[in-house]
């Protein structure tokens, strides 16, 4: 090849993309089941994860990053503070702001959760895949990493541009019999 990737027929690539999305979603759900996040909501887990990955932040920064209103984020942060998972310190450059960070308790909980999920995945790989299949999985992981690390220069498709999302007009009686 001359530096260009071979193109698969679009229908075949679309099928592969759909299968990959479904499998990654199912695997993510299975891993979340193992995590035992306890009494935390998905929003709270998301905020803890963001603080873990990105470091300390203000409520407004977290709200923007999570795509929600500042008041909603404030309620999430208050619950996390009450649970001893997040602590707030005054911003040294702007006393009106509070810088939020994870407590040791939160970090320990994250590490324990990761260990549980990785152990489940290790056991699943060992039980269900032969050594040669494990080698194939290692190759697939490198491909998935390349996709995941792709710059976001692939333009999103507007819903109105997706032909397959149009719903044909079907009479109610016909739809009910199908």
C-alpha atoms as a PDB file:
ATOM      1  CA  UNK A   1       0.000   0.000   0.000  1.00  0.00           C
ATOM      2  CA  UNK A   2       1.172   3.518  -0.700  1.00  0.00           C
ATOM      3  CA  UNK A   3       0.449   4.973   2.740  1.00  0.00           C
ATOM      4  CA  UNK A   4      -3.296   4.904   2.137  1.00  0.00           C
ATOM      5  CA  UNK A   5      -5.581   2.490   3.866  1.00  0.00           C
ATOM      6  CA  UNK A   6      -7.532   0.033   1.771  1.00  0.00           C
ATOM      7  CA  UNK A   7     -11.207   0.787   1.702  1.00  0.00           C
ATOM      8  CA  UNK A   8     -13.759  -1.880   2.505  1.00  0.00           C
ATOM      9  CA  UNK A   9     -17.074  -1.766   0.762  1.00  0.00           C
ATOM     10  CA  UNK A  10     -19.146   0.785   2.704  1.00  0.00           C
ATOM     11  CA  UNK A  11     -21.889  -1.689   3.639  1.00  0.00           C
ATOM     12  CA  UNK A  12     -19.342  -4.144   5.047  1.00  0.00           C
ATOM     13  CA  UNK A  13     -17.572  -1.415   7.031  1.00  0.00           C
ATOM     14  CA  UNK A  14     -20.934  -0.130   8.307  1.00  0.00           C
ATOM     15  CA  UNK A  15     -21.821  -3.615   9.510  1.00  0.00           C
ATOM     16  CA  UNK A  16     -18.461  -3.919  11.244  1.00  0.00           C
ATOM     17  CA  UNK A  17     -18.932  -0.508  12.894  1.00  0.00           C
ATOM     18  CA  UNK A  18     -22.383  -1.508  14.147  1.00  0.00           C
ATOM     19  CA  UNK A  19     -21.137  -4.842  15.479  1.00  0.00           C
ATOM     20  CA  UNK A  20     -18.186  -3.152  17.187  1.00  0.00           C
ATOM     21  CA  UNK A  21     -20.418  -0.525  18.819  1.00  0.00           C
ATOM     22  CA  UNK A  22     -22.765  -3.233  20.107  1.00  0.00           C
ATOM     23  CA  UNK A  23     -19.971  -5.434  21.483  1.00  0.00           C
ATOM     24  CA  UNK A  24     -18.129  -2.530  23.114  1.00  0.00           C
ATOM     25  CA  UNK A  25     -21.401  -1.404  24.695  1.00  0.00           C
ATOM     26  CA  UNK A  26     -22.151  -4.893  26.000  1.00  0.00           C
ATOM     27  CA  UNK A  27     -18.623  -5.304  27.379  1.00  0.00           C
ATOM     28  CA  UNK A  28     -18.847  -1.869  29.040  1.00  0.00           C
ATOM     29  CA  UNK A  29     -22.125  -2.863  30.702  1.00  0.00           C
ATOM     30  CA  UNK A  30     -20.630  -6.155  31.901  1.00  0.00           C
ATOM     31  CA  UNK A  31     -17.635  -4.311  33.373  1.00  0.00           C
ATOM     32  CA  UNK A  32     -19.916  -1.762  35.067  1.00  0.00           C
ATOM     33  CA  UNK A  33     -21.858  -4.659  36.618  1.00  0.00           C
ATOM     34  CA  UNK A  34     -18.612  -5.869  38.172  1.00  0.00           C
ATOM     35  CA  UNK A  35     -17.698  -2.431  39.538  1.00  0.00           C
ATOM     36  CA  UNK A  36     -20.254  -2.408  42.363  1.00  0.00           C
ATOM     37  CA  UNK A  37     -20.546   1.382  42.356  1.00  0.00           C
ATOM     38  CA  UNK A  38     -22.881   0.996  45.313  1.00  0.00           C
ATOM     39  CA  UNK A  39     -25.231   3.846  45.915  1.00  0.00           C
ATOM     40  CA  UNK A  40     -23.594   6.245  43.426  1.00  0.00           C
ATOM     41  CA  UNK A  41     -25.592   7.506  40.465  1.00  0.00           C
ATOM     42  CA  UNK A  42     -24.125   7.364  36.970  1.00  0.00           C
ATOM     43  CA  UNK A  43     -23.655  11.159  37.111  1.00  0.00           C
ATOM     44  CA  UNK A  44     -21.718  10.880  40.361  1.00  0.00           C
ATOM     45  CA  UNK A  45     -19.537   8.106  38.928  1.00  0.00           C
ATOM     46  CA  UNK A  46     -18.919  10.279  35.857  1.00  0.00           C
ATOM     47  CA  UNK A  47     -17.832  13.273  37.970  1.00  0.00           C
ATOM     48  CA  UNK A  48     -15.514  11.120  40.087  1.00  0.00           C
ATOM     49  CA  UNK A  49     -14.013   9.689  36.904  1.00  0.00           C
ATOM     50  CA  UNK A  50     -13.500  13.145  35.427  1.00  0.00           C
ATOM     51  CA  UNK A  51     -11.785  14.436  38.570  1.00  0.00           C
ATOM     52  CA  UNK A  52      -9.601  11.325  38.574  1.00  0.00           C
ATOM     53  CA  UNK A  53      -8.579  11.739  34.923  1.00  0.00           C
ATOM     54  CA  UNK A  54      -8.432  15.538  34.643  1.00  0.00           C
ATOM     55  CA  UNK A  55      -7.537  16.547  38.191  1.00  0.00           C
ATOM     56  CA  UNK A  56      -9.054  19.223  40.433  1.00  0.00           C
ATOM     57  CA  UNK A  57     -11.772  21.449  38.936  1.00  0.00           C
ATOM     58  CA  UNK A  58     -14.467  23.951  39.820  1.00  0.00           C
ATOM     59  CA  UNK A  59     -18.179  23.181  39.711  1.00  0.00           C
ATOM     60  CA  UNK A  60     -18.564  25.326  36.596  1.00  0.00           C
ATOM     61  CA  UNK A  61     -15.696  23.536  34.823  1.00  0.00           C
ATOM     62  CA  UNK A  62     -17.227  20.159  35.689  1.00  0.00           C
ATOM     63  CA  UNK A  63     -20.667  21.305  34.546  1.00  0.00           C
ATOM     64  CA  UNK A  64     -19.319  22.421  31.159  1.00  0.00           C
ATOM     65  CA  UNK A  65     -17.347  19.203  30.736  1.00  0.00           C
ATOM     66  CA  UNK A  66     -20.362  17.055  31.601  1.00  0.00           C
ATOM     67  CA  UNK A  67     -22.782  19.156  29.538  1.00  0.00           C
ATOM     68  CA  UNK A  68     -25.111  20.133  32.349  1.00  0.00           C
ATOM     69  CA  UNK A  69     -26.260  23.182  34.256  1.00  0.00           C
ATOM     70  CA  UNK A  70     -24.089  24.472  37.073  1.00  0.00           C
ATOM     71  CA  UNK A  71     -26.929  24.043  39.588  1.00  0.00           C
ATOM     72  CA  UNK A  72     -27.306  20.363  38.662  1.00  0.00           C
ATOM     73  CA  UNK A  73     -23.570  19.830  39.024  1.00  0.00           C
ATOM     74  CA  UNK A  74     -23.675  21.594  42.393  1.00  0.00           C
ATOM     75  CA  UNK A  75     -26.197  19.039  43.662  1.00  0.00           C
ATOM     76  CA  UNK A  76     -24.033  16.143  42.451  1.00  0.00           C
ATOM     77  CA  UNK A  77     -20.924  17.621  44.059  1.00  0.00           C
ATOM     78  CA  UNK A  78     -22.770  18.233  47.350  1.00  0.00           C
ATOM     79  CA  UNK A  79     -23.763  14.564  47.512  1.00  0.00           C
ATOM     80  CA  UNK A  80     -20.177  13.496  46.764  1.00  0.00           C
ATOM     81  CA  UNK A  81     -18.863  15.837  49.471  1.00  0.00           C
ATOM     82  CA  UNK A  82     -21.388  14.446  51.955  1.00  0.00           C
ATOM     83  CA  UNK A  83     -20.179  10.941  51.086  1.00  0.00           C
ATOM     84  CA  UNK A  84     -16.584  11.914  51.753  1.00  0.00           C
ATOM     85  CA  UNK A  85     -15.524  11.354  48.132  1.00  0.00           C
ATOM     86  CA  UNK A  86     -14.861  14.973  47.113  1.00  0.00           C
ATOM     87  CA  UNK A  87     -13.387  17.867  49.047  1.00  0.00           C
ATOM     88  CA  UNK A  88     -13.482  21.552  48.193  1.00  0.00           C
ATOM     89  CA  UNK A  89     -10.714  24.069  48.826  1.00  0.00           C
ATOM     90  CA  UNK A  90     -10.835  27.818  48.124  1.00  0.00           C
ATOM     91  CA  UNK A  91      -9.239  28.792  44.806  1.00  0.00           C
ATOM     92  CA  UNK A  92      -6.010  30.627  45.699  1.00  0.00           C
ATOM     93  CA  UNK A  93      -6.422  32.984  42.714  1.00  0.00           C
ATOM     94  CA  UNK A  94     -10.171  33.586  43.031  1.00  0.00           C
ATOM     95  CA  UNK A  95     -11.671  33.261  46.506  1.00  0.00           C
ATOM     96  CA  UNK A  96     -15.185  33.108  45.031  1.00  0.00           C
ATOM     97  CA  UNK A  97     -14.417  29.730  43.431  1.00  0.00           C
ATOM     98  CA  UNK A  98     -13.932  26.365  45.087  1.00  0.00           C
ATOM     99  CA  UNK A  99     -11.496  23.841  43.656  1.00  0.00           C
ATOM    100  CA  UNK A 100     -12.817  20.302  43.995  1.00  0.00           C
ATOM    101  CA  UNK A 101     -10.603  17.262  44.259  1.00  0.00           C
ATOM    102  CA  UNK A 102     -10.952  13.604  45.149  1.00  0.00           C
ATOM    103  CA  UNK A 103     -10.372  12.363  48.667  1.00  0.00           C
ATOM    104  CA  UNK A 104      -8.174   9.367  49.461  1.00  0.00           C
ATOM    105  CA  UNK A 105     -11.392   7.423  50.056  1.00  0.00           C
ATOM    106  CA  UNK A 106     -12.497   8.122  46.465  1.00  0.00           C
ATOM    107  CA  UNK A 107      -9.104   7.150  45.028  1.00  0.00           C
ATOM    108  CA  UNK A 108      -9.118   3.891  46.994  1.00  0.00           C
ATOM    109  CA  UNK A 109     -12.633   3.159  45.750  1.00  0.00           C
ATOM    110  CA  UNK A 110     -11.566   3.809  42.129  1.00  0.00           C
ATOM    111  CA  UNK A 111      -8.530   1.539  42.454  1.00  0.00           C
ATOM    112  CA  UNK A 112     -10.573  -1.239  44.068  1.00  0.00           C
ATOM    113  CA  UNK A 113     -13.234  -0.971  41.372  1.00  0.00           C
ATOM    114  CA  UNK A 114     -10.621  -1.136  38.606  1.00  0.00           C
ATOM    115  CA  UNK A 115      -8.990  -4.166  40.208  1.00  0.00           C
ATOM    116  CA  UNK A 116     -12.345  -5.967  40.392  1.00  0.00           C
ATOM    117  CA  UNK A 117     -13.150  -5.211  36.736  1.00  0.00           C
ATOM    118  CA  UNK A 118      -9.681  -6.178  35.524  1.00  0.00           C
ATOM    119  CA  UNK A 119      -9.824  -9.425  37.505  1.00  0.00           C
ATOM    120  CA  UNK A 120     -13.212 -10.281  35.958  1.00  0.00           C
ATOM    121  CA  UNK A 121     -11.868  -9.509  32.486  1.00  0.00           C
ATOM    122  CA  UNK A 122      -8.698 -11.535  33.085  1.00  0.00           C
ATOM    123  CA  UNK A 123     -10.746 -14.539  34.209  1.00  0.00           C
ATOM    124  CA  UNK A 124     -13.162 -14.187  31.274  1.00  0.00           C
ATOM    125  CA  UNK A 125     -10.270 -14.056  28.793  1.00  0.00           C
ATOM    126  CA  UNK A 126      -8.555 -17.042  30.412  1.00  0.00           C
ATOM    127  CA  UNK A 127     -11.719 -19.157  30.555  1.00  0.00           C
ATOM    128  CA  UNK A 128     -13.242 -18.325  27.162  1.00  0.00           C
ATOM    129  CA  UNK A 129     -10.268 -17.758  24.831  1.00  0.00           C
ATOM    130  CA  UNK A 130      -7.564 -20.141  23.700  1.00  0.00           C
ATOM    131  CA  UNK A 131      -3.956 -18.908  23.712  1.00  0.00           C
ATOM    132  CA  UNK A 132      -4.124 -18.208  19.966  1.00  0.00           C
ATOM    133  CA  UNK A 133      -7.413 -16.332  20.428  1.00  0.00           C
ATOM    134  CA  UNK A 134      -5.757 -14.314  23.196  1.00  0.00           C
ATOM    135  CA  UNK A 135      -3.005 -13.418  20.710  1.00  0.00           C
ATOM    136  CA  UNK A 136      -5.699 -12.278  18.265  1.00  0.00           C
ATOM    137  CA  UNK A 137      -7.342 -10.231  21.009  1.00  0.00           C
ATOM    138  CA  UNK A 138      -4.017  -8.517  21.720  1.00  0.00           C
ATOM    139  CA  UNK A 139      -3.842  -7.473  18.064  1.00  0.00           C
ATOM    140  CA  UNK A 140      -7.472  -6.306  18.127  1.00  0.00           C
ATOM    141  CA  UNK A 141      -6.765  -4.224  21.253  1.00  0.00           C
ATOM    142  CA  UNK A 142      -4.015  -2.389  19.378  1.00  0.00           C
ATOM    143  CA  UNK A 143      -6.481  -1.641  16.558  1.00  0.00           C
ATOM    144  CA  UNK A 144      -9.104  -0.424  19.026  1.00  0.00           C
ATOM    145  CA  UNK A 145      -6.515   1.765  20.728  1.00  0.00           C
ATOM    146  CA  UNK A 146      -5.670   3.346  17.374  1.00  0.00           C
ATOM    147  CA  UNK A 147      -9.368   4.083  16.770  1.00  0.00           C
ATOM    148  CA  UNK A 148      -9.857   5.424  20.308  1.00  0.00           C
ATOM    149  CA  UNK A 149      -6.842   7.708  19.960  1.00  0.00           C
ATOM    150  CA  UNK A 150      -8.030   9.119  16.645  1.00  0.00           C
ATOM    151  CA  UNK A 151      -8.208  12.878  16.653  1.00  0.00           C
ATOM    152  CA  UNK A 152     -11.765  14.104  16.507  1.00  0.00           C
ATOM    153  CA  UNK A 153     -11.297  15.405  12.976  1.00  0.00           C
ATOM    154  CA  UNK A 154     -13.942  13.011  11.674  1.00  0.00           C
ATOM    155  CA  UNK A 155     -16.982  15.221  11.211  1.00  0.00           C
ATOM    156  CA  UNK A 156     -20.176  14.045  12.908  1.00  0.00           C
ATOM    157  CA  UNK A 157     -23.121  13.133  10.739  1.00  0.00           C
ATOM    158  CA  UNK A 158     -26.223  15.243  11.277  1.00  0.00           C
ATOM    159  CA  UNK A 159     -29.287  13.142  12.004  1.00  0.00           C
ATOM    160  CA  UNK A 160     -31.032  14.621   8.987  1.00  0.00           C
ATOM    161  CA  UNK A 161     -28.252  13.205   6.773  1.00  0.00           C
ATOM    162  CA  UNK A 162     -28.714   9.612   7.890  1.00  0.00           C
ATOM    163  CA  UNK A 163     -31.021   8.028   5.340  1.00  0.00           C
ATOM    164  CA  UNK A 164     -31.394   4.786   7.255  1.00  0.00           C
ATOM    165  CA  UNK A 165     -33.053   6.661  10.119  1.00  0.00           C
ATOM    166  CA  UNK A 166     -36.076   7.567   8.098  1.00  0.00           C
ATOM    167  CA  UNK A 167     -39.136   5.607   9.114  1.00  0.00           C
ATOM    168  CA  UNK A 168     -41.303   4.467   6.229  1.00  0.00           C
ATOM    169  CA  UNK A 169     -44.971   5.293   6.339  1.00  0.00           C
ATOM    170  CA  UNK A 170     -46.656   2.081   7.410  1.00  0.00           C
ATOM    171  CA  UNK A 171     -50.386   1.910   8.051  1.00  0.00           C
ATOM    172  CA  UNK A 172     -51.154   1.207  11.713  1.00  0.00           C
ATOM    173  CA  UNK A 173     -53.001  -2.024  10.882  1.00  0.00           C
ATOM    174  CA  UNK A 174     -49.988  -3.389   8.966  1.00  0.00           C
ATOM    175  CA  UNK A 175     -47.545  -2.417  11.704  1.00  0.00           C
ATOM    176  CA  UNK A 176     -49.691  -4.114  14.356  1.00  0.00           C
ATOM    177  CA  UNK A 177     -49.702  -7.413  12.425  1.00  0.00           C
ATOM    178  CA  UNK A 178     -45.919  -7.487  11.858  1.00  0.00           C
END
